[in-house]
Amino acid sequence: MTDSPWTDDKLSVLNTQSHFRLRGEATTRLETFVDAAFAFSVTMLVISVDDVPRSYDEFADALRSIPAFVASFFQVIMFWLGHRNWSQRYALEDRTAITLSLILVCGILVIVFPLRVVFGAAFGYFSDGALPFPFPVEWQEMRRVFVIYGSGFCVMCGLIALLYMHALRRRLWLNLDAAEILITRSKIVFWLIPAATGFAGMLIAVLAPDEGVIFAGLIYCLLFVLLPIHGLLERRYLSVQTQAVST
């Protein structure tokens, strides 16, 4: 195990979650910094709405912006949970892990701007203007927004996939068992699925005709089907492998 600190005795006392021993339940300085950056990005979402409403009309406009904020909020939380779960499972804080984590922080602070624009435009389009657009936008401008958003989404998901790949490379040092290796490989695929979706959305935004640009946003709806299917297959395969080991 190349001088691994994770001996069987140490691992035996760790809490377990879904067949995975949690090596990183103690909060590290890196995780604290990442949490603070994600919290700041949520603050930027709120501030970007506008100043405090000074009339009922401004108040009503602010309320109509809530759906776009909520969608943007959960998008940020998705990336935060991805890094948090990775940290709890592996507790890696070497040079590669720090570098990838810092790039992830930089990415969320950049993507937070196109997030509100994309979701604001989507809610405005599908509500036929009942929910406000972030600003007047033409199809060619929306095309560029989707390219920026798709590339950012692809990079963010790809970074989390790279973190899991790094953990897989260090499986001997981490003393991962067979189930943990299986889960690690599954999580790599899990994050590559949305990364590929973001890349596909970017391509659609570049190649589609004007009104076809809307499909650059609709393609992300596939994730509500693909990711649950992947999770179901992961649980079934893990159950089969666990039973095989036990027998």
Protein backbone atom coordinates (compact mmCIF):
# COMPACT_ATOMS: atom_id res chain seq x y z
CA MET A 1 0.00 0.00 0.00
CA THR A 2 3.10 2.23 -0.32
CA ASP A 3 3.15 3.56 3.25
CA SER A 4 -0.58 4.18 3.37
CA PRO A 5 -1.89 5.70 6.62
CA TRP A 6 -5.19 3.90 5.99
CA THR A 7 -4.53 0.61 7.71
CA ASP A 8 -7.28 -1.95 8.15
CA ASP A 9 -7.51 -1.04 11.84
CA LYS A 10 -8.07 2.65 11.06
CA LEU A 11 -10.57 1.89 8.33
CA SER A 12 -12.56 -0.45 10.57
CA VAL A 13 -13.64 2.40 12.87
CA LEU A 14 -14.75 4.79 10.13
CA ASN A 15 -18.38 5.56 9.41
CA THR A 16 -19.72 3.93 6.26
CA GLN A 17 -22.11 5.34 3.69
CA SER A 18 -23.41 3.21 0.82
CA HIS A 19 -20.59 0.64 1.10
CA PHE A 20 -17.98 3.44 1.27
CA ARG A 21 -15.80 4.17 4.30
CA LEU A 22 -15.68 7.92 4.90
CA ARG A 23 -12.03 8.88 5.25
CA GLY A 24 -12.64 12.64 5.24
CA GLU A 25 -15.31 13.45 7.81
CA ALA A 26 -12.96 15.93 9.52
CA THR A 27 -13.13 19.29 7.75
CA THR A 28 -9.82 20.38 6.18
CA ARG A 29 -8.62 23.87 5.23
CA LEU A 30 -9.10 23.03 1.55
CA GLU A 31 -12.70 21.95 2.09
CA THR A 32 -13.37 25.07 4.19
CA PHE A 33 -12.04 27.27 1.39
CA VAL A 34 -14.11 25.45 -1.24
CA ASP A 35 -17.25 25.74 0.92
CA ALA A 36 -16.66 29.48 1.38
CA ALA A 37 -16.21 29.99 -2.38
CA PHE A 38 -19.45 28.16 -3.16
CA ALA A 39 -21.28 30.15 -0.50
CA PHE A 40 -19.95 33.35 -2.07
CA SER A 41 -21.16 32.23 -5.50
CA VAL A 42 -24.69 31.80 -4.08
CA THR A 43 -24.41 35.32 -2.65
CA MET A 44 -23.48 36.58 -6.11
CA LEU A 45 -26.66 34.98 -7.46
CA VAL A 46 -28.75 36.93 -4.96
CA ILE A 47 -26.92 40.23 -5.46
CA SER A 48 -27.23 39.97 -9.23
CA VAL A 49 -31.04 40.16 -9.00
CA ASP A 50 -31.05 43.90 -8.29
CA ASP A 51 -31.16 46.31 -5.37
CA VAL A 52 -33.91 46.19 -2.75
CA PRO A 53 -37.26 46.88 -4.51
CA ARG A 54 -38.47 50.46 -4.13
CA SER A 55 -41.98 49.93 -5.48
CA TYR A 56 -44.58 47.20 -5.75
CA ASP A 57 -43.76 46.67 -9.45
CA GLU A 58 -40.09 46.16 -8.64
CA PHE A 59 -41.13 43.82 -5.82
CA ALA A 60 -43.30 41.79 -8.23
CA ASP A 61 -40.45 41.61 -10.76
CA ALA A 62 -38.13 40.35 -8.03
CA LEU A 63 -40.63 37.63 -7.10
CA ARG A 64 -40.91 36.54 -10.75
CA SER A 65 -37.13 36.12 -10.79
CA ILE A 66 -37.27 33.52 -8.01
CA PRO A 67 -37.62 30.45 -10.30
CA ALA A 68 -34.42 31.37 -12.16
CA PHE A 69 -32.61 31.93 -8.85
CA VAL A 70 -33.81 28.58 -7.44
CA ALA A 71 -32.68 26.70 -10.57
CA SER A 72 -29.30 28.46 -10.46
CA PHE A 73 -29.00 27.74 -6.74
CA PHE A 74 -29.52 24.00 -7.19
CA GLN A 75 -27.02 23.98 -10.04
CA VAL A 76 -24.38 25.45 -7.71
CA ILE A 77 -25.36 22.98 -4.99
CA MET A 78 -24.94 20.09 -7.45
CA PHE A 79 -21.26 20.97 -7.92
CA TRP A 80 -20.77 21.65 -4.21
CA LEU A 81 -22.22 18.26 -3.27
CA GLY A 82 -20.04 16.61 -5.90
CA HIS A 83 -16.88 17.98 -4.30
CA ARG A 84 -18.15 17.42 -0.74
CA ASN A 85 -18.95 13.74 -1.37
CA TRP A 86 -15.55 13.25 -3.00
CA SER A 87 -13.81 14.89 -0.03
CA GLN A 88 -15.66 12.77 2.51
CA ARG A 89 -14.82 9.54 0.70
CA TYR A 90 -11.10 10.05 0.06
CA ALA A 91 -9.73 12.94 2.17
CA LEU A 92 -7.06 13.58 -0.45
CA GLU A 93 -5.20 16.86 -0.14
CA ASP A 94 -2.12 16.36 -2.28
CA ARG A 95 -0.95 18.70 -5.05
CA THR A 96 -3.26 17.25 -7.71
CA ALA A 97 -6.33 17.34 -5.47
CA ILE A 98 -5.62 20.94 -4.42
CA THR A 99 -5.05 22.06 -8.01
CA LEU A 100 -8.26 20.48 -9.31
CA SER A 101 -10.24 21.84 -6.35
CA LEU A 102 -8.96 25.38 -6.89
CA ILE A 103 -9.79 25.22 -10.60
CA LEU A 104 -13.28 24.06 -9.59
CA VAL A 105 -13.61 27.09 -7.31
CA CYS A 106 -12.48 29.40 -10.10
CA GLY A 107 -14.97 27.73 -12.44
CA ILE A 108 -17.99 28.18 -10.18
CA LEU A 109 -17.18 31.87 -9.69
CA VAL A 110 -17.08 32.31 -13.48
CA ILE A 111 -20.09 30.17 -14.40
CA VAL A 112 -22.33 31.89 -11.86
CA PHE A 113 -22.87 34.77 -14.32
CA PRO A 114 -24.15 32.77 -17.32
CA LEU A 115 -26.15 30.57 -14.92
CA ARG A 116 -28.71 33.29 -14.15
CA VAL A 117 -28.84 34.38 -17.79
CA VAL A 118 -29.49 30.85 -19.08
CA PHE A 119 -32.15 29.99 -16.52
CA GLY A 120 -33.71 33.46 -16.68
CA ALA A 121 -33.97 33.24 -20.46
CA ALA A 122 -35.33 29.67 -20.28
CA PHE A 123 -38.09 30.57 -17.81
CA GLY A 124 -38.89 33.73 -19.77
CA TYR A 125 -39.13 31.80 -23.06
CA PHE A 126 -41.28 28.92 -21.80
CA SER A 127 -43.57 31.22 -19.78
CA ASP A 128 -44.05 33.41 -22.86
CA GLY A 129 -42.74 36.43 -20.98
CA ALA A 130 -44.74 35.89 -17.77
CA LEU A 131 -41.41 35.39 -16.01
CA PRO A 132 -38.86 38.11 -16.75
CA PHE A 133 -35.94 37.74 -19.13
CA PRO A 134 -32.63 38.83 -17.53
CA PHE A 135 -32.26 41.34 -20.40
CA PRO A 136 -33.40 41.62 -24.02
CA VAL A 137 -31.52 38.97 -25.97
CA GLU A 138 -31.44 37.98 -29.63
CA TRP A 139 -30.95 34.44 -30.91
CA GLN A 140 -27.31 35.06 -31.85
CA GLU A 141 -26.61 36.46 -28.40
CA MET A 142 -28.39 33.50 -26.79
CA ARG A 143 -26.25 31.21 -28.91
CA ARG A 144 -23.10 32.69 -27.35
CA VAL A 145 -24.57 32.42 -23.86
CA PHE A 146 -25.27 28.71 -24.38
CA VAL A 147 -21.74 28.19 -25.69
CA ILE A 148 -20.30 29.83 -22.57
CA TYR A 149 -22.66 27.94 -20.26
CA GLY A 150 -22.14 24.58 -22.01
CA SER A 151 -18.36 24.89 -21.91
CA GLY A 152 -18.44 25.88 -18.23
CA PHE A 153 -20.83 23.05 -17.34
CA CYS A 154 -18.66 20.55 -19.23
CA VAL A 155 -15.48 21.73 -17.50
CA MET A 156 -17.04 21.71 -14.02
CA CYS A 157 -18.37 18.16 -14.36
CA GLY A 158 -15.12 17.07 -15.99
CA LEU A 159 -13.12 18.43 -13.04
CA ILE A 160 -15.11 16.36 -10.56
CA ALA A 161 -14.64 13.32 -12.81
CA LEU A 162 -10.88 14.04 -12.75
CA LEU A 163 -10.95 14.16 -8.95
CA TYR A 164 -12.45 10.66 -8.90
CA MET A 165 -9.90 9.50 -11.49
CA HIS A 166 -7.15 10.82 -9.21
CA ALA A 167 -8.63 8.90 -6.27
CA LEU A 168 -8.74 5.75 -8.42
CA ARG A 169 -5.05 6.18 -9.27
CA ARG A 170 -4.29 6.38 -5.54
CA ARG A 171 -6.46 3.38 -4.63
CA LEU A 172 -3.53 1.49 -3.09
CA TRP A 173 -2.54 4.42 -0.89
CA LEU A 174 -6.20 4.85 0.12
CA ASN A 175 -6.54 1.09 0.68
CA LEU A 176 -9.81 0.99 -1.28
CA ASP A 177 -11.64 -2.33 -1.18
CA ALA A 178 -13.35 -3.91 -4.19
CA ALA A 179 -16.70 -2.19 -3.57
CA GLU A 180 -15.05 1.22 -3.15
CA ILE A 181 -13.09 0.79 -6.39
CA LEU A 182 -16.32 -0.12 -8.17
CA ILE A 183 -18.10 2.94 -6.77
CA THR A 184 -15.17 5.19 -7.69
CA ARG A 185 -15.25 3.98 -11.30
CA SER A 186 -19.01 4.41 -11.36
CA LYS A 187 -18.73 8.01 -10.13
CA ILE A 188 -16.28 8.79 -12.92
CA VAL A 189 -18.93 7.69 -15.43
CA PHE A 190 -21.61 9.53 -13.44
CA TRP A 191 -19.81 12.87 -13.87
CA LEU A 192 -18.72 12.22 -17.44
CA ILE A 193 -22.38 11.90 -18.48
CA PRO A 194 -23.24 15.56 -17.66
CA ALA A 195 -19.82 16.64 -18.97
CA ALA A 196 -20.69 15.07 -22.34
CA THR A 197 -24.15 16.65 -22.17
CA GLY A 198 -22.62 20.08 -21.67
CA PHE A 199 -20.31 19.50 -24.63
CA ALA A 200 -23.27 18.40 -26.77
CA GLY A 201 -25.21 21.50 -25.71
CA MET A 202 -22.27 23.66 -26.74
CA LEU A 203 -22.14 21.98 -30.16
CA ILE A 204 -25.88 22.46 -30.68
CA ALA A 205 -25.54 26.13 -29.79
CA VAL A 206 -22.83 26.52 -32.41
CA LEU A 207 -24.43 24.50 -35.22
CA ALA A 208 -28.20 24.88 -34.82
CA PRO A 209 -30.24 27.47 -36.74
CA ASP A 210 -31.57 30.43 -34.78
CA GLU A 211 -34.67 28.98 -33.07
CA GLY A 212 -32.97 25.59 -32.84
CA VAL A 213 -30.67 27.14 -30.23
CA ILE A 214 -33.37 26.32 -27.67
CA PHE A 215 -32.36 22.63 -27.97
CA ALA A 216 -28.96 23.59 -26.57
CA GLY A 217 -30.84 24.10 -23.31
CA LEU A 218 -33.39 21.32 -23.62
CA ILE A 219 -30.66 18.70 -23.97
CA TYR A 220 -29.89 19.09 -20.26
CA CYS A 221 -33.31 17.60 -19.50
CA LEU A 222 -31.83 14.26 -20.58
CA LEU A 223 -29.87 14.26 -17.32
CA PHE A 224 -33.12 13.69 -15.40
CA VAL A 225 -33.33 10.35 -17.23
CA LEU A 226 -29.70 9.33 -17.75
CA LEU A 227 -28.42 9.93 -14.21
CA PRO A 228 -31.21 8.00 -12.42
CA ILE A 229 -30.70 5.10 -14.84
CA HIS A 230 -26.96 5.16 -14.10
CA GLY A 231 -27.68 5.22 -10.35
CA LEU A 232 -30.03 2.24 -10.67
CA LEU A 233 -27.46 0.24 -12.65
CA GLU A 234 -24.76 1.14 -10.12
CA ARG A 235 -26.86 -0.10 -7.18
CA ARG A 236 -27.79 -3.33 -8.95
CA TYR A 237 -24.22 -4.10 -10.01
CA LEU A 238 -22.87 -3.26 -6.58
CA SER A 239 -25.46 -5.56 -4.98
CA VAL A 240 -24.46 -8.41 -7.28
CA GLN A 241 -20.76 -7.89 -6.61
CA THR A 242 -21.31 -7.67 -2.85
CA GLN A 243 -23.25 -10.91 -2.84
CA ALA A 244 -20.53 -12.60 -4.92
CA VAL A 245 -17.84 -11.54 -2.44
CA SER A 246 -19.89 -12.66 0.57
CA THR A 247 -20.40 -16.11 -0.89
